[in-house]
Amino acid sequence: MDASWEEFGWERLGHGVGRRRLPGWDATVALVVGADAVLLYDTGSTLREGAEVRAQAQALLGRRVTHIALSHPHFDHVLGTAAFSGAQVYGAVGMRELLRRGADELHTSAVRHGVDEHDAAEAVDALVAPQHEVCGEWTVDLGGGREVLLADVGPAHSGHDLVAVVPGSPAVVLCGDLVEESGEPQAGSDAFPSRWPSSLDRLLALGGEDAVYVPGHGAVVDAAFVRDQREQLAVRFGVS
């Protein structure tokens, strides 16, 4: 299994853990593989992109994605979800209602950032809201001793920030846009800047000093990078 990650354009992060940086917005999608189930973290910006990720996962693993964790409700991370029929979808508490009432805003945001209008409309029409909402922490058992800890650490970058921690040597922390490497962290109208530094403190506590931290956009980083970005955000937004 692990020997094939790179052949499919994915970056191997650990045994049974890999990610792909999607074109366009350099957004990360990640797979975590257990003996019985497969979890996908984020799904891309269109149904076409989601279908491509689904096909790659099937070819790479010979299995379907069974669980999806959505890092936050921005178009480039959630609009591919409907391509994964039957998957159990997880999001931070409150995300279900937000996606249900915020479809028009998602469509507008996607088109404004360059998604084809037809593709945006198609994805929004088929939008899948999480069946499971994480308040605090939720452990997903993928079988064979592989567990993934989902933690609601927001609000920060958005009102609904969900991270995934995959134990191992080293642990892998899927950060969503709480951490960005390829550019300055973006704080839109739904951000909570005053709480962002404390969310990164919790992220570091969950992952630990030796973990691999995977930003929502950009290259993999370490705890020192996350700590430095935390300090930059505190200065930028005038919080401690």
Foldseek 3Di string as FASTA:
>chain_A
DQVCQVVLQWADDDVQKIWHQDPDQRFIWMWHAAPAAIEIEFQAQFLVSNLSVQVSCCVVPVDGHAEYEFFDPARGGFLNVLNRPNHQYEWAPPQQVCLVVCLVVNLVRSVVSPDPNVRSVVSSVSGDGHPHHDDAWDWDDNYPPWIKIWGFLDQALARIGIKIWTVDVQIEIEGELLDEDVDQRDRDPRGDLQCSLVSLVVSCVVRDQRYWYHYRHDDIDGNVRSNVSSVVSCVVVVYD
